[in-house]
Each structure stands twice: as C-alpha cells, then as structure tokens.
Amino acid sequence: MVMGCRVNRWQSPTVSAAFLQYGLFKEGSGFVAALGPTGNMAANDGDELALALYSSLRLHGGSWRLGDMLLAGLREYAGDKPAVAARLQDFSLIGDPALRIGEPARGTVLAVW
C-alpha cells in the first residue's frame, strides 16, 4: 500500500506516479494488489487512511477480503466529512478485491513516512 500522491496513475511518467509499475514489471519483484491514489491527496490523508485500513482489518476478526477492508477503511476515515469523502474518490485498488488477507503477525511494524 503506497499512500503518496498519484502512485496508481499509470499515464504519468514521474517517479512517484509510476512507483507501482516497478513491482509489476521488474524481474524478481512483484505484488498481488496495489492500493493508492490516482490523484493528489491532502497531506494527512495517506497516514489517516492507512491507519483506518489496518484498524478495519483488526476490528473485524483479522481476516477479510481486500475489497471489504478497503471499503471499511474508506468509510471509517471519511465518516461524516464530505470534503474527505470527495478526496478519497481518487483512491483505487489495482488487483482482485476478493483476495483474502489476514492481520499482520504480532510485532509487525507499520511504517508511515
């Protein structure tokens, strides 16, 4: 999951915008899904949304489909704030929303840059 601006925007050749394609096309690398914005995010949106996504996973039994986790996290973070909900419309999932995921192992450190 990459929360910087435009990381899921494939038509733009900047380093941050094209970051996810390195995992798809570089030999010996890869991922099964990518979560990130296609446009610009407010300064704290990435941090807050990342925490809401992991919180939604932890609160619902530790085993979810990726699409369920994303939807719950978006809803939790946006809450009743229309301005936040509007900004989060640029957030996208590349991959299978039915992918089953589990809670990270105890002691896993989540880094927010």
N, C-alpha and C. Protein backbone atom coordinates (compact mmCIF):
# COMPACT_ATOMS: atom_id res chain seq x y z
N MET A 1 0.85 -1.16 0.00
CA MET A 1 0.00 0.00 0.00
C MET A 1 0.90 1.23 0.00
N VAL A 2 0.72 2.09 -1.00
CA VAL A 2 1.51 3.30 -1.10
C VAL A 2 0.56 4.49 -1.05
N MET A 3 0.81 5.40 -0.12
CA MET A 3 -0.12 6.50 0.09
C MET A 3 0.35 7.84 -0.44
N GLY A 4 1.41 7.87 -1.23
CA GLY A 4 1.84 9.14 -1.81
C GLY A 4 0.93 9.55 -2.96
N CYS A 5 1.07 10.76 -3.42
CA CYS A 5 0.22 11.27 -4.49
C CYS A 5 0.45 10.54 -5.81
N ARG A 6 -0.61 10.21 -6.48
CA ARG A 6 -0.65 9.69 -7.86
C ARG A 6 0.08 8.37 -8.09
N VAL A 7 0.25 7.54 -7.10
CA VAL A 7 1.00 6.29 -7.32
C VAL A 7 0.23 5.28 -8.15
N ASN A 8 -1.07 5.36 -8.23
CA ASN A 8 -1.85 4.46 -9.08
C ASN A 8 -2.25 5.13 -10.39
N ARG A 9 -1.52 6.15 -10.78
CA ARG A 9 -1.81 6.86 -12.03
C ARG A 9 -0.77 6.43 -13.05
N TRP A 10 -1.16 5.57 -13.96
CA TRP A 10 -0.23 4.93 -14.88
C TRP A 10 0.19 5.80 -16.05
N GLN A 11 -0.59 6.80 -16.41
CA GLN A 11 -0.27 7.59 -17.60
C GLN A 11 0.73 8.71 -17.34
N SER A 12 1.19 8.85 -16.11
CA SER A 12 2.12 9.93 -15.77
C SER A 12 3.50 9.35 -15.50
N PRO A 13 4.55 9.84 -16.15
CA PRO A 13 5.87 9.21 -16.05
C PRO A 13 6.75 9.65 -14.88
N THR A 14 6.21 10.31 -13.87
CA THR A 14 7.05 10.72 -12.74
C THR A 14 7.37 9.52 -11.86
N VAL A 15 8.42 9.64 -11.06
CA VAL A 15 8.85 8.52 -10.21
C VAL A 15 7.75 8.11 -9.24
N SER A 16 7.15 9.05 -8.53
CA SER A 16 6.13 8.67 -7.55
C SER A 16 4.88 8.14 -8.23
N ALA A 17 4.53 8.68 -9.40
CA ALA A 17 3.33 8.24 -10.09
C ALA A 17 3.51 6.86 -10.70
N ALA A 18 4.72 6.49 -11.03
CA ALA A 18 4.96 5.21 -11.69
C ALA A 18 5.54 4.16 -10.75
N PHE A 19 5.53 4.42 -9.46
CA PHE A 19 6.16 3.53 -8.49
C PHE A 19 5.62 2.11 -8.57
N LEU A 20 4.32 1.95 -8.65
CA LEU A 20 3.72 0.62 -8.59
C LEU A 20 4.08 -0.25 -9.79
N GLN A 21 4.33 0.36 -10.93
CA GLN A 21 4.66 -0.46 -12.09
C GLN A 21 6.00 -1.17 -11.94
N TYR A 22 6.90 -0.66 -11.10
CA TYR A 22 8.17 -1.36 -10.87
C TYR A 22 7.93 -2.72 -10.24
N GLY A 23 6.96 -2.84 -9.39
CA GLY A 23 6.63 -4.12 -8.80
C GLY A 23 5.99 -5.08 -9.77
N LEU A 24 5.36 -4.54 -10.80
CA LEU A 24 4.71 -5.40 -11.79
C LEU A 24 5.65 -5.85 -12.89
N PHE A 25 6.58 -5.01 -13.29
CA PHE A 25 7.39 -5.30 -14.47
C PHE A 25 8.85 -5.60 -14.19
N LYS A 26 9.34 -5.39 -12.99
CA LYS A 26 10.73 -5.67 -12.68
C LYS A 26 10.89 -7.15 -12.34
N GLU A 27 11.84 -7.80 -12.97
CA GLU A 27 12.08 -9.22 -12.73
C GLU A 27 12.47 -9.46 -11.28
N GLY A 28 11.91 -10.50 -10.68
CA GLY A 28 12.21 -10.86 -9.30
C GLY A 28 11.47 -10.03 -8.28
N SER A 29 10.50 -9.26 -8.72
CA SER A 29 9.74 -8.39 -7.82
C SER A 29 8.27 -8.57 -8.11
N GLY A 30 7.43 -7.97 -7.29
CA GLY A 30 6.01 -8.02 -7.61
C GLY A 30 5.11 -7.88 -6.41
N PHE A 31 3.84 -7.77 -6.68
CA PHE A 31 2.82 -7.76 -5.66
C PHE A 31 1.54 -8.31 -6.24
N VAL A 32 0.59 -8.63 -5.39
CA VAL A 32 -0.68 -9.19 -5.85
C VAL A 32 -1.75 -8.11 -5.98
N ALA A 33 -1.54 -6.98 -5.36
CA ALA A 33 -2.50 -5.88 -5.44
C ALA A 33 -1.81 -4.59 -5.06
N ALA A 34 -2.40 -3.49 -5.49
CA ALA A 34 -1.85 -2.18 -5.15
C ALA A 34 -2.99 -1.26 -4.73
N LEU A 35 -2.81 -0.60 -3.60
CA LEU A 35 -3.76 0.39 -3.12
C LEU A 35 -3.07 1.74 -3.17
N GLY A 36 -3.69 2.72 -3.79
CA GLY A 36 -3.08 4.04 -3.85
C GLY A 36 -3.96 5.03 -4.57
N PRO A 37 -3.62 6.31 -4.47
CA PRO A 37 -4.42 7.35 -5.12
C PRO A 37 -4.03 7.53 -6.59
N THR A 38 -4.99 7.91 -7.40
CA THR A 38 -4.72 8.25 -8.79
C THR A 38 -4.51 9.75 -8.95
N GLY A 39 -4.79 10.51 -7.92
CA GLY A 39 -4.63 11.96 -7.94
C GLY A 39 -3.89 12.43 -6.71
N ASN A 40 -3.96 13.71 -6.44
CA ASN A 40 -3.29 14.28 -5.27
C ASN A 40 -4.11 14.04 -4.01
N MET A 41 -3.42 13.86 -2.90
CA MET A 41 -4.07 13.68 -1.61
C MET A 41 -3.69 14.84 -0.70
N ALA A 42 -4.53 15.13 0.26
CA ALA A 42 -4.17 16.12 1.28
C ALA A 42 -3.04 15.55 2.12
N ALA A 43 -2.28 16.40 2.76
CA ALA A 43 -1.08 15.99 3.49
C ALA A 43 -1.31 14.85 4.46
N ASN A 44 -2.38 14.84 5.20
CA ASN A 44 -2.59 13.79 6.21
C ASN A 44 -3.49 12.67 5.73
N ASP A 45 -4.06 12.75 4.54
CA ASP A 45 -4.99 11.71 4.09
C ASP A 45 -4.34 10.33 4.04
N GLY A 46 -3.11 10.25 3.54
CA GLY A 46 -2.45 8.96 3.42
C GLY A 46 -2.24 8.29 4.76
N ASP A 47 -1.72 9.04 5.73
CA ASP A 47 -1.49 8.49 7.07
C ASP A 47 -2.79 8.04 7.71
N GLU A 48 -3.79 8.91 7.67
CA GLU A 48 -5.07 8.61 8.32
C GLU A 48 -5.78 7.44 7.66
N LEU A 49 -5.73 7.38 6.33
CA LEU A 49 -6.38 6.28 5.63
C LEU A 49 -5.66 4.96 5.90
N ALA A 50 -4.33 4.97 5.91
CA ALA A 50 -3.59 3.75 6.21
C ALA A 50 -3.97 3.20 7.58
N LEU A 51 -4.05 4.07 8.57
CA LEU A 51 -4.45 3.64 9.91
C LEU A 51 -5.87 3.10 9.92
N ALA A 52 -6.78 3.75 9.19
CA ALA A 52 -8.17 3.28 9.13
C ALA A 52 -8.25 1.92 8.44
N LEU A 53 -7.45 1.69 7.41
CA LEU A 53 -7.46 0.39 6.72
C LEU A 53 -7.02 -0.73 7.66
N TYR A 54 -5.91 -0.53 8.35
CA TYR A 54 -5.44 -1.56 9.27
C TYR A 54 -6.37 -1.72 10.46
N SER A 55 -6.95 -0.63 10.91
CA SER A 55 -7.91 -0.68 12.00
C SER A 55 -9.13 -1.49 11.59
N SER A 56 -9.61 -1.31 10.37
CA SER A 56 -10.78 -2.06 9.92
C SER A 56 -10.49 -3.55 9.87
N LEU A 57 -9.29 -3.91 9.51
CA LEU A 57 -8.90 -5.32 9.48
C LEU A 57 -8.89 -5.91 10.89
N ARG A 58 -8.29 -5.19 11.81
CA ARG A 58 -8.16 -5.66 13.18
C ARG A 58 -9.52 -5.76 13.88
N LEU A 59 -10.41 -4.83 13.61
CA LEU A 59 -11.71 -4.80 14.28
C LEU A 59 -12.69 -5.86 13.78
N HIS A 60 -12.41 -6.42 12.63
CA HIS A 60 -13.36 -7.37 12.05
C HIS A 60 -12.80 -8.78 11.97
N GLY A 61 -12.10 -9.21 12.97
CA GLY A 61 -11.71 -10.60 13.06
C GLY A 61 -10.39 -10.96 12.42
N GLY A 62 -9.69 -10.02 11.79
CA GLY A 62 -8.37 -10.31 11.27
C GLY A 62 -8.32 -11.05 9.96
N SER A 63 -9.44 -11.32 9.32
CA SER A 63 -9.42 -12.00 8.03
C SER A 63 -10.52 -11.43 7.15
N TRP A 64 -10.11 -10.77 6.09
CA TRP A 64 -11.06 -10.10 5.21
C TRP A 64 -10.66 -10.28 3.77
N ARG A 65 -11.59 -9.95 2.92
CA ARG A 65 -11.25 -9.78 1.51
C ARG A 65 -10.71 -8.35 1.37
N LEU A 66 -9.78 -8.16 0.47
CA LEU A 66 -9.14 -6.86 0.29
C LEU A 66 -10.15 -5.76 0.00
N GLY A 67 -11.13 -6.04 -0.84
CA GLY A 67 -12.15 -5.04 -1.16
C GLY A 67 -12.96 -4.64 0.06
N ASP A 68 -13.28 -5.61 0.94
CA ASP A 68 -14.01 -5.30 2.17
C ASP A 68 -13.18 -4.41 3.08
N MET A 69 -11.89 -4.72 3.19
CA MET A 69 -11.01 -3.91 4.03
C MET A 69 -10.93 -2.48 3.50
N LEU A 70 -10.79 -2.34 2.18
CA LEU A 70 -10.70 -1.02 1.58
C LEU A 70 -11.98 -0.23 1.81
N LEU A 71 -13.12 -0.84 1.57
CA LEU A 71 -14.40 -0.15 1.75
C LEU A 71 -14.60 0.27 3.21
N ALA A 72 -14.32 -0.63 4.15
CA ALA A 72 -14.47 -0.29 5.57
C ALA A 72 -13.52 0.82 5.98
N GLY A 73 -12.28 0.76 5.50
CA GLY A 73 -11.31 1.81 5.83
C GLY A 73 -11.70 3.16 5.26
N LEU A 74 -12.16 3.17 4.01
CA LEU A 74 -12.61 4.43 3.40
C LEU A 74 -13.78 5.02 4.17
N ARG A 75 -14.73 4.15 4.53
CA ARG A 75 -15.90 4.62 5.28
C ARG A 75 -15.51 5.12 6.67
N GLU A 76 -14.60 4.41 7.33
CA GLU A 76 -14.18 4.82 8.67
C GLU A 76 -13.48 6.18 8.63
N TYR A 77 -12.58 6.35 7.67
CA TYR A 77 -11.83 7.60 7.61
C TYR A 77 -12.72 8.77 7.17
N ALA A 78 -13.54 8.56 6.15
CA ALA A 78 -14.38 9.65 5.65
C ALA A 78 -15.48 10.00 6.65
N GLY A 79 -16.03 8.98 7.31
CA GLY A 79 -17.08 9.22 8.29
C GLY A 79 -18.16 10.13 7.75
N ASP A 80 -18.44 11.19 8.46
CA ASP A 80 -19.46 12.14 8.01
C ASP A 80 -18.82 13.44 7.53
N LYS A 81 -17.61 13.32 6.96
CA LYS A 81 -16.88 14.50 6.47
C LYS A 81 -16.93 14.53 4.94
N PRO A 82 -17.85 15.28 4.34
CA PRO A 82 -18.00 15.28 2.88
C PRO A 82 -16.72 15.67 2.13
N ALA A 83 -15.93 16.59 2.65
CA ALA A 83 -14.71 17.00 1.95
C ALA A 83 -13.71 15.85 1.87
N VAL A 84 -13.59 15.08 2.94
CA VAL A 84 -12.69 13.92 2.93
C VAL A 84 -13.23 12.86 1.98
N ALA A 85 -14.53 12.59 2.03
CA ALA A 85 -15.13 11.60 1.14
C ALA A 85 -14.89 11.96 -0.33
N ALA A 86 -14.97 13.23 -0.66
CA ALA A 86 -14.73 13.67 -2.04
C ALA A 86 -13.28 13.42 -2.45
N ARG A 87 -12.33 13.70 -1.57
CA ARG A 87 -10.91 13.47 -1.90
C ARG A 87 -10.61 11.99 -2.06
N LEU A 88 -11.28 11.14 -1.31
CA LEU A 88 -10.99 9.71 -1.35
C LEU A 88 -11.53 9.04 -2.60
N GLN A 89 -12.29 9.75 -3.42
CA GLN A 89 -12.77 9.17 -4.67
C GLN A 89 -11.63 8.91 -5.64
N ASP A 90 -10.47 9.50 -5.40
CA ASP A 90 -9.29 9.26 -6.24
C ASP A 90 -8.50 8.03 -5.81
N PHE A 91 -8.90 7.39 -4.73
CA PHE A 91 -8.18 6.24 -4.22
C PHE A 91 -8.63 4.99 -4.95
N SER A 92 -7.69 4.14 -5.38
CA SER A 92 -8.07 2.98 -6.18
C SER A 92 -7.35 1.70 -5.75
N LEU A 93 -7.94 0.61 -6.17
CA LEU A 93 -7.38 -0.73 -5.96
C LEU A 93 -7.04 -1.30 -7.32
N ILE A 94 -5.81 -1.73 -7.49
CA ILE A 94 -5.42 -2.47 -8.68
C ILE A 94 -5.18 -3.89 -8.19
N GLY A 95 -6.00 -4.81 -8.64
CA GLY A 95 -5.89 -6.19 -8.18
C GLY A 95 -7.27 -6.77 -7.93
N ASP A 96 -7.30 -7.90 -7.28
CA ASP A 96 -8.53 -8.64 -7.04
C ASP A 96 -9.15 -8.25 -5.71
N PRO A 97 -10.32 -7.62 -5.70
CA PRO A 97 -10.94 -7.24 -4.43
C PRO A 97 -11.37 -8.45 -3.59
N ALA A 98 -11.44 -9.63 -4.19
CA ALA A 98 -11.82 -10.83 -3.45
C ALA A 98 -10.61 -11.51 -2.79
N LEU A 99 -9.42 -10.96 -2.97
CA LEU A 99 -8.21 -11.52 -2.37
C LEU A 99 -8.35 -11.56 -0.86
N ARG A 100 -8.15 -12.73 -0.26
CA ARG A 100 -8.27 -12.86 1.19
C ARG A 100 -6.95 -12.48 1.84
N ILE A 101 -7.06 -11.65 2.86
CA ILE A 101 -5.89 -11.18 3.58
C ILE A 101 -6.10 -11.42 5.06
N GLY A 102 -5.03 -11.41 5.80
CA GLY A 102 -5.13 -11.60 7.24
C GLY A 102 -4.37 -10.52 7.98
N GLU A 103 -4.55 -10.48 9.26
CA GLU A 103 -3.87 -9.50 10.10
C GLU A 103 -2.37 -9.77 10.10
N PRO A 104 -1.54 -8.73 10.03
CA PRO A 104 -0.10 -8.93 10.12
C PRO A 104 0.28 -9.63 11.43
N ALA A 105 1.36 -10.39 11.39
CA ALA A 105 1.81 -11.11 12.58
C ALA A 105 2.08 -10.15 13.73
N ARG A 106 1.85 -10.62 14.94
CA ARG A 106 2.11 -9.80 16.13
C ARG A 106 3.56 -9.33 16.10
N GLY A 107 3.77 -8.06 16.38
CA GLY A 107 5.11 -7.49 16.36
C GLY A 107 5.47 -6.83 15.04
N THR A 108 4.60 -6.97 14.02
CA THR A 108 4.86 -6.32 12.74
C THR A 108 4.83 -4.81 12.92
N VAL A 109 5.81 -4.14 12.38
CA VAL A 109 5.88 -2.69 12.48
C VAL A 109 5.35 -2.08 11.19
N LEU A 110 4.40 -1.18 11.32
CA LEU A 110 3.87 -0.47 10.16
C LEU A 110 4.53 0.89 10.11
N ALA A 111 5.23 1.18 9.02
CA ALA A 111 5.94 2.45 8.90
C ALA A 111 5.11 3.44 8.10
N VAL A 112 5.02 4.64 8.60
CA VAL A 112 4.36 5.73 7.89
C VAL A 112 5.41 6.81 7.68
N TRP A 113 5.77 7.07 6.41
CA TRP A 113 6.80 8.07 6.12
C TRP A 113 6.18 9.41 5.93
